[in-house]
């Protein structure tokens, strides 16, 4: 909508439809601060070659002042860059680590989680797949849910429905926490957060 590619979510018009994702990074940071209120420095893994990571960066930049967070951006254009970034974690001493969704960080989600847990800092990501791999928490959707939605769209398009007549679907975000990582960090989720959790691994 902001880019002017669709007339509305219910009737996008033209040859465009699909799945919309809310701007959720402010809410993700809010949950992280609720769980670990003392954090003030956060490192964020992002891939500048990924257009979607540009939106991630913009949202975090806009939201960080509200939570009094000092953000350090860590570029991970490929797996070797990610490996180097994780090695420097212990010396750079951030209070938390977040990852924008990217194939590079997804491929090493377990390593990211393990490295952060080793130095005792919480981790945050947009998709539940990261949490399954050991990241502390996510607030968003999952790749499997996105694939199911895409399959429904493809089925309707193959049946002759025009893209512009298919409503753009808003993905429903879920709050997911890894209980083992939570315990490993010595953190306890407040009751206000416990009642909002959708899934626990």
N, C-alpha and C. Protein backbone atom coordinates (compact mmCIF):
# COMPACT_ATOMS: atom_id res chain seq x y z
N UNK A 1 0.82 -1.20 0.00
CA UNK A 1 0.00 0.00 0.00
C UNK A 1 0.87 1.26 0.00
N UNK A 2 1.88 1.30 0.89
CA UNK A 2 2.72 2.49 0.96
C UNK A 2 3.45 2.76 -0.35
N UNK A 3 3.81 1.69 -1.04
CA UNK A 3 4.55 1.83 -2.29
C UNK A 3 3.63 2.15 -3.46
N UNK A 4 2.33 2.18 -3.22
CA UNK A 4 1.39 2.49 -4.28
C UNK A 4 1.16 1.36 -5.26
N UNK A 5 1.48 0.12 -4.86
CA UNK A 5 1.33 -1.01 -5.76
C UNK A 5 -0.07 -1.59 -5.76
N UNK A 6 -0.85 -1.27 -4.74
CA UNK A 6 -2.21 -1.81 -4.64
C UNK A 6 -3.18 -0.70 -4.27
N UNK A 7 -4.41 -0.81 -4.79
CA UNK A 7 -5.45 0.18 -4.48
C UNK A 7 -5.91 0.00 -3.04
N UNK A 8 -6.16 -1.24 -2.64
CA UNK A 8 -6.55 -1.57 -1.28
C UNK A 8 -6.19 -3.01 -0.99
N UNK A 9 -6.24 -3.41 0.27
CA UNK A 9 -5.95 -4.79 0.61
C UNK A 9 -7.05 -5.73 0.13
N UNK A 10 -8.30 -5.27 0.20
CA UNK A 10 -9.41 -6.14 -0.19
C UNK A 10 -9.53 -6.30 -1.70
N UNK A 11 -9.22 -5.26 -2.46
CA UNK A 11 -9.26 -5.31 -3.93
C UNK A 11 -8.03 -4.59 -4.46
N UNK A 12 -6.89 -5.29 -4.55
CA UNK A 12 -5.65 -4.61 -4.94
C UNK A 12 -5.65 -4.05 -6.35
N UNK A 13 -6.42 -4.68 -7.27
CA UNK A 13 -6.46 -4.22 -8.65
C UNK A 13 -5.20 -4.62 -9.42
N UNK A 14 -5.20 -4.40 -10.70
CA UNK A 14 -4.03 -4.71 -11.52
C UNK A 14 -3.67 -6.19 -11.50
N UNK A 15 -2.39 -6.48 -11.55
CA UNK A 15 -1.91 -7.86 -11.56
C UNK A 15 -1.18 -8.22 -10.28
N UNK A 16 -1.61 -7.62 -9.18
CA UNK A 16 -0.89 -7.82 -7.92
C UNK A 16 -1.82 -8.36 -6.84
N UNK A 17 -1.33 -9.35 -6.11
CA UNK A 17 -1.96 -9.80 -4.88
C UNK A 17 -0.86 -10.46 -4.04
N UNK A 18 -1.22 -11.04 -2.92
CA UNK A 18 -0.20 -11.72 -2.13
C UNK A 18 -0.45 -11.62 -0.65
N UNK A 19 0.63 -11.70 0.12
CA UNK A 19 0.56 -11.72 1.57
C UNK A 19 1.27 -10.49 2.11
N UNK A 20 0.57 -9.71 2.90
CA UNK A 20 1.17 -8.51 3.49
C UNK A 20 1.71 -8.83 4.87
N UNK A 21 2.78 -8.15 5.22
CA UNK A 21 3.36 -8.33 6.55
C UNK A 21 3.36 -6.99 7.27
N UNK A 22 2.81 -6.99 8.49
CA UNK A 22 2.77 -5.75 9.25
C UNK A 22 4.17 -5.30 9.63
N UNK A 23 4.27 -4.03 9.98
CA UNK A 23 5.52 -3.52 10.50
C UNK A 23 5.58 -3.90 11.98
N UNK A 24 6.34 -4.94 12.28
CA UNK A 24 6.28 -5.56 13.60
C UNK A 24 7.52 -5.35 14.46
N UNK A 25 8.55 -4.71 13.95
CA UNK A 25 9.78 -4.63 14.74
C UNK A 25 9.62 -3.82 16.01
N UNK A 26 8.78 -2.83 16.02
CA UNK A 26 8.55 -2.08 17.26
C UNK A 26 7.94 -3.00 18.32
N UNK A 27 7.00 -3.84 17.90
CA UNK A 27 6.37 -4.78 18.84
C UNK A 27 7.37 -5.84 19.30
N UNK A 28 8.23 -6.29 18.40
CA UNK A 28 9.25 -7.28 18.78
C UNK A 28 10.19 -6.71 19.84
N UNK A 29 10.63 -5.48 19.62
CA UNK A 29 11.53 -4.85 20.59
C UNK A 29 10.82 -4.62 21.92
N UNK A 30 9.54 -4.32 21.86
CA UNK A 30 8.77 -4.12 23.09
C UNK A 30 8.72 -5.42 23.91
N UNK A 31 8.50 -6.54 23.23
CA UNK A 31 8.47 -7.83 23.93
C UNK A 31 9.84 -8.15 24.51
N UNK A 32 10.89 -7.89 23.74
CA UNK A 32 12.25 -8.15 24.21
C UNK A 32 12.55 -7.35 25.47
N UNK A 33 12.17 -6.08 25.49
CA UNK A 33 12.41 -5.23 26.65
C UNK A 33 11.55 -5.67 27.85
N UNK A 34 10.37 -6.19 27.56
CA UNK A 34 9.51 -6.69 28.63
C UNK A 34 10.15 -7.91 29.29
N UNK A 35 10.80 -8.72 28.47
CA UNK A 35 11.43 -9.93 28.97
C UNK A 35 12.79 -9.65 29.60
N UNK A 36 13.51 -8.70 29.03
CA UNK A 36 14.85 -8.35 29.54
C UNK A 36 14.96 -6.82 29.59
N UNK A 37 14.35 -6.20 30.59
CA UNK A 37 14.23 -4.73 30.62
C UNK A 37 15.55 -3.97 30.72
N UNK A 38 16.63 -4.63 31.13
CA UNK A 38 17.90 -3.92 31.33
C UNK A 38 18.73 -3.74 30.06
N UNK A 39 18.31 -4.35 28.97
CA UNK A 39 19.14 -4.25 27.76
C UNK A 39 19.16 -2.81 27.25
N UNK A 40 20.32 -2.40 26.78
CA UNK A 40 20.45 -1.05 26.21
C UNK A 40 21.22 -1.05 24.89
N UNK A 41 21.98 -2.12 24.63
CA UNK A 41 22.73 -2.22 23.38
C UNK A 41 22.32 -3.49 22.64
N UNK A 42 21.93 -3.34 21.40
CA UNK A 42 21.50 -4.50 20.62
C UNK A 42 22.24 -4.55 19.29
N UNK A 43 22.78 -5.70 18.96
CA UNK A 43 23.40 -5.91 17.66
C UNK A 43 22.35 -6.52 16.73
N UNK A 44 22.31 -6.05 15.50
CA UNK A 44 21.32 -6.54 14.54
C UNK A 44 22.03 -7.08 13.30
N UNK A 45 21.79 -8.35 13.01
CA UNK A 45 22.33 -8.98 11.81
C UNK A 45 21.44 -8.63 10.63
N UNK A 46 22.04 -8.10 9.56
CA UNK A 46 21.23 -7.77 8.39
C UNK A 46 22.07 -7.92 7.13
N UNK A 47 21.39 -8.16 6.03
CA UNK A 47 22.04 -8.31 4.73
C UNK A 47 21.64 -7.15 3.84
N UNK A 48 22.54 -6.21 3.57
CA UNK A 48 22.19 -5.04 2.76
C UNK A 48 21.79 -5.39 1.33
N UNK A 49 22.15 -6.59 0.87
CA UNK A 49 21.77 -7.01 -0.48
C UNK A 49 20.34 -7.53 -0.54
N UNK A 50 19.71 -7.71 0.61
CA UNK A 50 18.34 -8.20 0.68
C UNK A 50 17.40 -7.00 0.83
N UNK A 51 16.55 -6.71 -0.18
CA UNK A 51 15.67 -5.54 -0.10
C UNK A 51 14.77 -5.55 1.14
N UNK A 52 14.33 -6.73 1.54
CA UNK A 52 13.48 -6.83 2.71
C UNK A 52 14.18 -6.41 3.99
N UNK A 53 15.49 -6.57 4.02
CA UNK A 53 16.25 -6.16 5.20
C UNK A 53 16.33 -4.65 5.33
N UNK A 54 16.13 -3.95 4.22
CA UNK A 54 16.07 -2.49 4.28
C UNK A 54 14.89 -2.03 5.11
N UNK A 55 13.74 -2.70 4.94
CA UNK A 55 12.56 -2.37 5.73
C UNK A 55 12.79 -2.71 7.19
N UNK A 56 13.43 -3.85 7.44
CA UNK A 56 13.77 -4.24 8.81
C UNK A 56 14.62 -3.16 9.48
N UNK A 57 15.62 -2.71 8.76
CA UNK A 57 16.53 -1.68 9.30
C UNK A 57 15.77 -0.39 9.60
N UNK A 58 14.91 0.03 8.66
CA UNK A 58 14.17 1.28 8.85
C UNK A 58 13.25 1.21 10.07
N UNK A 59 12.57 0.07 10.24
CA UNK A 59 11.67 -0.09 11.38
C UNK A 59 12.42 -0.06 12.70
N UNK A 60 13.56 -0.72 12.74
CA UNK A 60 14.33 -0.75 13.99
C UNK A 60 14.89 0.63 14.31
N UNK A 61 15.38 1.33 13.30
CA UNK A 61 15.90 2.69 13.51
C UNK A 61 14.81 3.59 14.08
N UNK A 62 13.59 3.44 13.56
CA UNK A 62 12.48 4.28 14.02
C UNK A 62 12.05 3.92 15.44
N UNK A 63 12.13 2.62 15.79
CA UNK A 63 11.61 2.17 17.09
C UNK A 63 12.63 2.24 18.21
N UNK A 64 13.92 2.14 17.89
CA UNK A 64 14.96 2.04 18.92
C UNK A 64 14.93 3.17 19.95
N UNK A 65 14.74 4.43 19.56
CA UNK A 65 14.74 5.50 20.57
C UNK A 65 13.67 5.32 21.64
N UNK A 66 12.54 4.79 21.26
CA UNK A 66 11.46 4.58 22.24
C UNK A 66 11.91 3.67 23.37
N UNK A 67 12.76 2.70 23.04
CA UNK A 67 13.21 1.73 24.04
C UNK A 67 14.62 2.03 24.54
N UNK A 68 15.12 3.23 24.20
CA UNK A 68 16.46 3.66 24.63
C UNK A 68 17.51 2.61 24.26
N UNK A 69 17.45 2.16 23.02
CA UNK A 69 18.37 1.14 22.55
C UNK A 69 19.42 1.73 21.63
N UNK A 70 20.66 1.39 21.90
CA UNK A 70 21.77 1.72 21.01
C UNK A 70 21.94 0.54 20.05
N UNK A 71 21.78 0.79 18.76
CA UNK A 71 21.78 -0.29 17.77
C UNK A 71 23.11 -0.34 17.03
N UNK A 72 23.69 -1.54 16.95
CA UNK A 72 24.89 -1.75 16.13
C UNK A 72 24.53 -2.67 14.98
N UNK A 73 24.74 -2.19 13.77
CA UNK A 73 24.37 -2.96 12.58
C UNK A 73 25.53 -3.84 12.14
N UNK A 74 25.24 -5.12 11.95
CA UNK A 74 26.26 -6.09 11.58
C UNK A 74 25.89 -6.69 10.22
N UNK A 75 26.68 -6.35 9.19
CA UNK A 75 26.38 -6.83 7.85
C UNK A 75 26.79 -8.29 7.68
N UNK A 76 25.85 -9.09 7.14
CA UNK A 76 26.13 -10.51 6.91
C UNK A 76 25.71 -10.86 5.47
N UNK A 77 26.52 -10.49 4.52
CA UNK A 77 26.19 -10.73 3.11
C UNK A 77 26.33 -12.20 2.73
N UNK A 78 27.10 -12.95 3.51
CA UNK A 78 27.28 -14.37 3.20
C UNK A 78 27.63 -15.12 4.49
N UNK A 79 27.75 -16.44 4.40
CA UNK A 79 28.01 -17.25 5.59
C UNK A 79 29.34 -16.94 6.26
N UNK A 80 30.44 -16.74 5.50
CA UNK A 80 31.69 -16.36 6.17
C UNK A 80 31.58 -15.06 6.96
N UNK A 81 30.82 -14.09 6.43
CA UNK A 81 30.64 -12.82 7.14
C UNK A 81 29.87 -13.05 8.44
N UNK A 82 28.89 -13.94 8.40
CA UNK A 82 28.14 -14.25 9.61
C UNK A 82 29.03 -14.93 10.64
N UNK A 83 29.85 -15.86 10.18
CA UNK A 83 30.76 -16.55 11.11
C UNK A 83 31.70 -15.54 11.79
N UNK A 84 32.20 -14.58 11.00
CA UNK A 84 33.09 -13.56 11.58
C UNK A 84 32.34 -12.70 12.59
N UNK A 85 31.10 -12.37 12.26
CA UNK A 85 30.31 -11.53 13.16
C UNK A 85 30.07 -12.23 14.50
N UNK A 86 29.80 -13.51 14.46
CA UNK A 86 29.53 -14.25 15.70
C UNK A 86 30.78 -14.36 16.56
N UNK A 87 31.94 -14.41 15.94
CA UNK A 87 33.19 -14.48 16.69
C UNK A 87 33.42 -13.20 17.49
N UNK A 88 32.98 -12.06 16.93
CA UNK A 88 33.21 -10.77 17.60
C UNK A 88 32.17 -10.47 18.68
N UNK A 89 31.14 -11.29 18.80
CA UNK A 89 30.07 -11.00 19.76
C UNK A 89 30.61 -10.82 21.18
N UNK A 90 31.48 -11.73 21.60
CA UNK A 90 31.95 -11.69 22.98
C UNK A 90 32.79 -10.46 23.27
N UNK A 91 33.47 -9.92 22.26
CA UNK A 91 34.29 -8.73 22.49
C UNK A 91 33.50 -7.44 22.35
N UNK A 92 32.47 -7.45 21.51
CA UNK A 92 31.67 -6.23 21.30
C UNK A 92 30.65 -6.03 22.42
N UNK A 93 30.31 -7.09 23.12
CA UNK A 93 29.46 -7.04 24.32
C UNK A 93 28.12 -6.35 24.13
N UNK A 94 27.29 -6.76 23.15
CA UNK A 94 25.93 -6.23 23.11
C UNK A 94 25.10 -6.89 24.21
N UNK A 95 23.96 -6.29 24.54
CA UNK A 95 23.06 -6.86 25.55
C UNK A 95 22.06 -7.83 24.93
N UNK A 96 21.91 -7.77 23.61
CA UNK A 96 20.96 -8.63 22.91
C UNK A 96 21.37 -8.71 21.44
N UNK A 97 20.83 -9.70 20.76
CA UNK A 97 21.13 -9.90 19.34
C UNK A 97 19.84 -10.16 18.59
N UNK A 98 19.62 -9.42 17.50
CA UNK A 98 18.45 -9.62 16.66
C UNK A 98 18.90 -9.94 15.24
N UNK A 99 18.02 -10.60 14.50
CA UNK A 99 18.33 -10.95 13.12
C UNK A 99 17.16 -10.57 12.22
N UNK A 100 17.44 -9.78 11.19
CA UNK A 100 16.46 -9.58 10.12
C UNK A 100 16.37 -10.90 9.35
N UNK A 101 15.17 -11.18 8.81
CA UNK A 101 15.03 -12.45 8.09
C UNK A 101 15.85 -12.41 6.80
N UNK A 102 16.66 -13.45 6.63
CA UNK A 102 17.49 -13.58 5.44
C UNK A 102 17.92 -15.04 5.35
N UNK A 103 18.18 -15.51 4.15
CA UNK A 103 18.59 -16.90 3.96
C UNK A 103 19.91 -17.19 4.69
N UNK A 104 20.78 -16.18 4.81
CA UNK A 104 22.06 -16.37 5.49
C UNK A 104 21.84 -16.62 6.98
N UNK A 105 21.07 -15.75 7.63
CA UNK A 105 20.85 -15.93 9.07
C UNK A 105 19.97 -17.15 9.34
N UNK A 106 19.05 -17.46 8.44
CA UNK A 106 18.21 -18.64 8.62
C UNK A 106 19.04 -19.92 8.56
N UNK A 107 20.01 -19.95 7.65
CA UNK A 107 20.84 -21.14 7.50
C UNK A 107 21.68 -21.40 8.74
N UNK A 108 22.00 -20.34 9.48
CA UNK A 108 22.85 -20.48 10.67
C UNK A 108 22.09 -20.11 11.95
N UNK A 109 20.77 -20.28 11.94
CA UNK A 109 19.97 -19.88 13.10
C UNK A 109 20.41 -20.60 14.37
N UNK A 110 20.70 -21.88 14.26
CA UNK A 110 21.13 -22.64 15.44
C UNK A 110 22.47 -22.13 15.96
N UNK A 111 23.39 -21.82 15.04
CA UNK A 111 24.70 -21.30 15.44
C UNK A 111 24.56 -19.93 16.09
N UNK A 112 23.69 -19.10 15.54
CA UNK A 112 23.43 -17.77 16.12
C UNK A 112 22.92 -17.92 17.55
N UNK A 113 21.93 -18.80 17.72
CA UNK A 113 21.34 -19.00 19.04
C UNK A 113 22.37 -19.52 20.03
N UNK A 114 23.17 -20.49 19.61
CA UNK A 114 24.16 -21.10 20.49
C UNK A 114 25.24 -20.08 20.88
N UNK A 115 25.68 -19.27 19.92
CA UNK A 115 26.73 -18.28 20.19
C UNK A 115 26.23 -17.23 21.18
N UNK A 116 24.99 -16.78 21.01
CA UNK A 116 24.43 -15.77 21.91
C UNK A 116 24.21 -16.34 23.30
N UNK A 117 23.73 -17.57 23.37
CA UNK A 117 23.49 -18.20 24.67
C UNK A 117 24.81 -18.38 25.43
N UNK A 118 25.86 -18.67 24.70
CA UNK A 118 27.18 -18.89 25.32
C UNK A 118 27.65 -17.66 26.07
N UNK A 119 27.33 -16.47 25.54
CA UNK A 119 27.75 -15.24 26.23
C UNK A 119 26.61 -14.62 27.03
N UNK A 120 25.46 -15.32 27.06
CA UNK A 120 24.37 -14.92 27.95
C UNK A 120 23.52 -13.75 27.49
N UNK A 121 23.29 -13.63 26.17
CA UNK A 121 22.43 -12.54 25.70
C UNK A 121 21.21 -13.09 24.97
N UNK A 122 20.05 -12.45 25.13
CA UNK A 122 18.83 -12.91 24.46
C UNK A 122 18.85 -12.62 22.97
N UNK A 123 18.09 -13.42 22.23
CA UNK A 123 18.03 -13.30 20.77
C UNK A 123 16.60 -13.11 20.31
N UNK A 124 16.47 -12.40 19.20
CA UNK A 124 15.16 -12.01 18.68
C UNK A 124 15.15 -12.15 17.16
N UNK A 125 14.05 -12.68 16.62
CA UNK A 125 13.94 -12.86 15.17
C UNK A 125 12.47 -12.73 14.74
N UNK A 126 12.23 -12.57 13.44
CA UNK A 126 10.86 -12.37 12.98
C UNK A 126 10.05 -13.64 12.74
N UNK A 127 10.73 -14.79 12.55
CA UNK A 127 10.03 -16.03 12.18
C UNK A 127 10.21 -17.11 13.24
N UNK A 128 9.18 -17.95 13.40
CA UNK A 128 9.24 -18.99 14.43
C UNK A 128 10.29 -20.06 14.13
N UNK A 129 10.70 -20.20 12.87
CA UNK A 129 11.74 -21.17 12.54
C UNK A 129 13.04 -20.89 13.30
N UNK A 130 13.32 -19.62 13.54
CA UNK A 130 14.51 -19.26 14.31
C UNK A 130 14.39 -19.78 15.75
N UNK A 131 13.20 -19.67 16.31
CA UNK A 131 12.98 -20.11 17.69
C UNK A 131 13.11 -21.62 17.80
N UNK A 132 12.63 -22.33 16.81
CA UNK A 132 12.80 -23.78 16.80
C UNK A 132 14.28 -24.16 16.81
N UNK A 133 15.11 -23.30 16.21
CA UNK A 133 16.55 -23.56 16.16
C UNK A 133 17.27 -23.12 17.42
N UNK A 134 16.56 -22.45 18.35
CA UNK A 134 17.18 -22.07 19.61
C UNK A 134 17.16 -20.58 19.94
N UNK A 135 16.77 -19.73 18.99
CA UNK A 135 16.64 -18.30 19.26
C UNK A 135 15.56 -18.11 20.34
N UNK A 136 15.73 -17.13 21.21
CA UNK A 136 14.84 -16.96 22.36
C UNK A 136 13.40 -16.70 21.97
N UNK A 137 13.17 -15.71 21.09
CA UNK A 137 11.77 -15.38 20.80
C UNK A 137 11.60 -14.81 19.40
N UNK A 138 10.38 -14.95 18.92
CA UNK A 138 10.00 -14.34 17.65
C UNK A 138 8.59 -13.81 17.79
N UNK A 139 8.28 -12.79 17.00
CA UNK A 139 6.92 -12.30 16.91
C UNK A 139 6.66 -12.04 15.44
N UNK A 140 5.87 -12.89 14.83
CA UNK A 140 5.62 -12.79 13.40
C UNK A 140 4.94 -14.04 12.92
N UNK A 141 5.27 -14.46 11.74
CA UNK A 141 4.67 -15.65 11.15
C UNK A 141 5.74 -16.74 11.03
N UNK A 142 5.50 -17.68 10.14
CA UNK A 142 6.47 -18.74 9.88
C UNK A 142 6.52 -18.97 8.38
N UNK A 143 7.61 -19.54 7.91
CA UNK A 143 7.73 -19.84 6.49
C UNK A 143 6.68 -20.86 6.07
N UNK A 144 6.38 -21.82 6.94
CA UNK A 144 5.39 -22.84 6.59
C UNK A 144 4.01 -22.21 6.42
N UNK A 145 3.66 -21.25 7.27
CA UNK A 145 2.37 -20.56 7.13
C UNK A 145 2.33 -19.75 5.84
N UNK A 146 3.44 -19.11 5.50
CA UNK A 146 3.49 -18.33 4.26
C UNK A 146 3.35 -19.23 3.03
N UNK A 147 3.95 -20.42 3.10
CA UNK A 147 3.85 -21.36 1.98
C UNK A 147 2.42 -21.86 1.80
N UNK A 148 1.73 -22.11 2.91
CA UNK A 148 0.33 -22.55 2.82
C UNK A 148 -0.53 -21.47 2.19
N UNK A 149 -0.29 -20.23 2.59
CA UNK A 149 -1.06 -19.12 2.01
C UNK A 149 -0.76 -18.98 0.52
N UNK A 150 0.52 -19.11 0.15
CA UNK A 150 0.90 -19.01 -1.26
C UNK A 150 0.23 -20.11 -2.08
N UNK A 151 0.12 -21.31 -1.52
CA UNK A 151 -0.52 -22.41 -2.24
C UNK A 151 -1.99 -22.11 -2.50
N UNK A 152 -2.67 -21.49 -1.54
CA UNK A 152 -4.08 -21.12 -1.74
C UNK A 152 -4.22 -20.11 -2.88
N UNK A 153 -3.32 -19.12 -2.91
CA UNK A 153 -3.37 -18.13 -3.98
C UNK A 153 -3.14 -18.78 -5.34
N UNK A 154 -2.14 -19.64 -5.42
CA UNK A 154 -1.82 -20.29 -6.69
C UNK A 154 -3.00 -21.11 -7.19
N UNK A 155 -3.66 -21.81 -6.27
CA UNK A 155 -4.83 -22.62 -6.64
C UNK A 155 -5.92 -21.75 -7.25
N UNK A 156 -6.20 -20.61 -6.62
CA UNK A 156 -7.26 -19.71 -7.13
C UNK A 156 -6.86 -19.10 -8.47
N UNK A 157 -5.59 -18.76 -8.62
CA UNK A 157 -5.13 -18.17 -9.89
C UNK A 157 -5.24 -19.20 -11.02
N UNK A 158 -4.90 -20.44 -10.71
CA UNK A 158 -5.00 -21.50 -11.74
C UNK A 158 -6.44 -21.78 -12.12
N UNK A 159 -7.37 -21.46 -11.22
CA UNK A 159 -8.79 -21.64 -11.52
C UNK A 159 -9.37 -20.45 -12.28
N UNK A 160 -8.53 -19.45 -12.55
CA UNK A 160 -8.97 -18.34 -13.39
C UNK A 160 -9.25 -17.04 -12.68
N UNK A 161 -9.11 -16.99 -11.37
CA UNK A 161 -9.34 -15.74 -10.65
C UNK A 161 -8.24 -14.75 -10.99
N UNK A 162 -8.62 -13.50 -11.25
CA UNK A 162 -7.64 -12.46 -11.56
C UNK A 162 -6.91 -12.02 -10.29
N UNK A 163 -5.60 -11.77 -10.37
CA UNK A 163 -4.84 -11.36 -9.19
C UNK A 163 -5.46 -10.15 -8.49
N UNK A 164 -5.89 -9.18 -9.27
CA UNK A 164 -6.44 -7.96 -8.69
C UNK A 164 -7.74 -8.15 -7.94
N UNK A 165 -8.37 -9.31 -8.13
CA UNK A 165 -9.63 -9.61 -7.43
C UNK A 165 -9.41 -10.41 -6.15
N UNK A 166 -8.17 -10.81 -5.90
CA UNK A 166 -7.85 -11.57 -4.69
C UNK A 166 -7.34 -10.63 -3.61
N UNK A 167 -7.99 -10.65 -2.47
CA UNK A 167 -7.59 -9.77 -1.37
C UNK A 167 -6.16 -10.09 -0.93
N UNK A 168 -5.40 -9.04 -0.62
CA UNK A 168 -4.08 -9.23 -0.04
C UNK A 168 -4.26 -9.66 1.41
N UNK A 169 -3.69 -10.79 1.76
CA UNK A 169 -3.90 -11.38 3.09
C UNK A 169 -2.90 -10.83 4.10
N UNK A 170 -3.41 -10.42 5.25
CA UNK A 170 -2.54 -9.98 6.33
C UNK A 170 -2.15 -11.18 7.17
N UNK A 171 -0.86 -11.47 7.28
CA UNK A 171 -0.41 -12.59 8.09
C UNK A 171 -0.68 -12.28 9.57
N UNK A 172 -1.08 -13.30 10.31
CA UNK A 172 -1.38 -13.14 11.72
C UNK A 172 -0.14 -13.44 12.57
N UNK A 173 0.43 -12.45 13.22
CA UNK A 173 1.66 -12.68 13.98
C UNK A 173 1.41 -13.52 15.23
N UNK A 174 2.41 -14.34 15.57
CA UNK A 174 2.37 -15.15 16.79
C UNK A 174 3.62 -14.89 17.61
N UNK A 175 3.42 -14.89 18.92
CA UNK A 175 4.54 -14.75 19.84
C UNK A 175 5.03 -16.14 20.22
N UNK A 176 6.28 -16.44 19.90
CA UNK A 176 6.85 -17.77 20.11
C UNK A 176 8.11 -17.64 20.95
N UNK A 177 8.23 -18.50 21.96
CA UNK A 177 9.38 -18.46 22.87
C UNK A 177 10.01 -19.85 22.98
N UNK A 178 11.34 -19.87 23.06
CA UNK A 178 12.06 -21.10 23.30
C UNK A 178 12.31 -21.22 24.81
N UNK A 179 11.62 -22.16 25.46
CA UNK A 179 11.69 -22.28 26.92
C UNK A 179 13.07 -22.70 27.40
N UNK A 180 13.74 -23.54 26.62
CA UNK A 180 15.07 -24.00 27.02
C UNK A 180 16.07 -22.84 27.00
N UNK A 181 15.98 -22.00 25.97
CA UNK A 181 16.85 -20.84 25.90
C UNK A 181 16.54 -19.85 27.01
N UNK A 182 15.26 -19.66 27.28
CA UNK A 182 14.84 -18.78 28.36
C UNK A 182 15.46 -19.22 29.68
N UNK A 183 15.39 -20.51 29.96
CA UNK A 183 15.97 -21.05 31.19
C UNK A 183 17.49 -20.92 31.18
N UNK A 184 18.10 -21.18 30.02
CA UNK A 184 19.56 -21.08 29.92
C UNK A 184 20.08 -19.68 30.18
N UNK A 185 19.27 -18.68 29.88
CA UNK A 185 19.66 -17.28 30.12
C UNK A 185 19.33 -16.83 31.54
N UNK A 186 18.63 -17.68 32.28
CA UNK A 186 18.24 -17.32 33.64
C UNK A 186 17.14 -16.28 33.68
N UNK A 187 16.32 -16.23 32.63
CA UNK A 187 15.23 -15.26 32.56
C UNK A 187 13.90 -15.92 32.92
N UNK A 188 12.99 -15.11 33.42
CA UNK A 188 11.63 -15.56 33.71
C UNK A 188 10.65 -14.64 33.02
N UNK A 189 9.76 -15.20 32.23
CA UNK A 189 8.77 -14.38 31.53
C UNK A 189 7.74 -13.87 32.53
N UNK A 190 7.49 -12.56 32.56
CA UNK A 190 6.45 -12.04 33.45
C UNK A 190 5.08 -12.58 33.06
N UNK A 191 4.17 -12.61 34.01
CA UNK A 191 2.83 -13.15 33.75
C UNK A 191 2.17 -12.41 32.59
N UNK A 192 2.39 -11.10 32.51
CA UNK A 192 1.80 -10.30 31.44
C UNK A 192 2.22 -10.79 30.07
N UNK A 193 3.41 -11.39 30.00
CA UNK A 193 3.92 -11.92 28.74
C UNK A 193 3.49 -13.37 28.55
N UNK A 194 3.48 -14.13 29.62
CA UNK A 194 3.10 -15.53 29.54
C UNK A 194 1.71 -15.72 28.94
N UNK A 195 0.78 -14.86 29.28
CA UNK A 195 -0.60 -15.02 28.81
C UNK A 195 -0.72 -14.67 27.32
N UNK A 196 0.30 -14.04 26.75
CA UNK A 196 0.23 -13.65 25.34
C UNK A 196 1.00 -14.60 24.43
N UNK A 197 1.73 -15.53 25.02
CA UNK A 197 2.55 -16.45 24.20
C UNK A 197 1.64 -17.42 23.44
N UNK A 198 1.91 -17.57 22.13
CA UNK A 198 1.12 -18.47 21.30
C UNK A 198 1.72 -19.87 21.22
N UNK A 199 3.05 -19.95 21.20
CA UNK A 199 3.72 -21.24 21.11
C UNK A 199 4.98 -21.23 21.96
N UNK A 200 5.31 -22.40 22.51
CA UNK A 200 6.53 -22.56 23.30
C UNK A 200 7.28 -23.76 22.77
N UNK A 201 8.58 -23.60 22.57
CA UNK A 201 9.44 -24.72 22.14
C UNK A 201 10.39 -25.08 23.27
